[in-house]
Amino acid sequence: MTSTVYVGLDVHAETIAVATADDGRNGEIRFYGTIRNTADSILRLTKRLSSGNTTPAFCYEAGPCGYGIHRLLTKLGFECAVVAPTMIPRKVGDRVKTDRRDAEMLARLWRAGELTAIWTPDEEHEAMRDLIRTRKQAMSALKVAKQQLLSFLLRHGLRFDRPTRWTKIHWRWINELRKFRYPYQQLAFEELKRAIRQIDERVATLDQAIADTVAAWRFGPVVDALRALRGDLQLLR
């Protein structure tokens, strides 16, 4: 008769802490150890845990390491759940966190059926997310670059007397400003302007890439149907 061993993985960039919980309400919970976060190490782990009549079922928290482990394990034919950290039941006042304790907690809760797996995107969907995130980061950088230029001008008593900024009129005013007294101040001014122009070009490139990709994406019709909503690009995250 085949039994299931529930495996909790506490995943980090370089290592994975592994704990197991034997099937059954009173099954033993053990700390297996720490392995390297590589495909070869994970493959060896699955072979060890699959020995005899035991079938491992894996789970780990969603995090910055992405879904590579999930894809590898499911490709090998194993059950693997990715769970949201906010959905994991935690005891009140339990603030002591170690890799071992986290792995054992995941194995125990996974066995008890107290963890809910999140939807995991396929590689194409995740690639689209990366594109959207990159645009968002570029927009954040653009906001910072514009504020740096405005702060520079304010320090020199230069204020734009119209309510709207970053229009053609505003840029004309910026480009027609007097030369600064010192050459290195002028250099700083030109570099601040150049940073904004470069980021603007990045945003335009990313916008075009998103438009081209969505047109051929399987979720393209859904995106088109939701474009009327404010912040339509946020729907892809």
Foldseek 3Di string as FASTA:
>chain_A
DAFEKEWFWEDDPFKIWIWIFGADPPTDIGGPGMDTPDLVRVVVVQVVQPPDRYAYAYEYEDDDVACPVVVSQVVVPHHYAYFHPVQQDDDPPPPDDDSRVNRSSNNNCVNVVSTDGDDHDDPLLVVLVVLLVVLVVLVVQLVVLVVVLVVLCVVVVHDDPDDDAPDPVNVVVLVPDDQDDDPVSNVVNVVSVVSNVVSVVVNVVSVVVSVVSLVPDPCNVVLVVCVVDPPSSVVSD
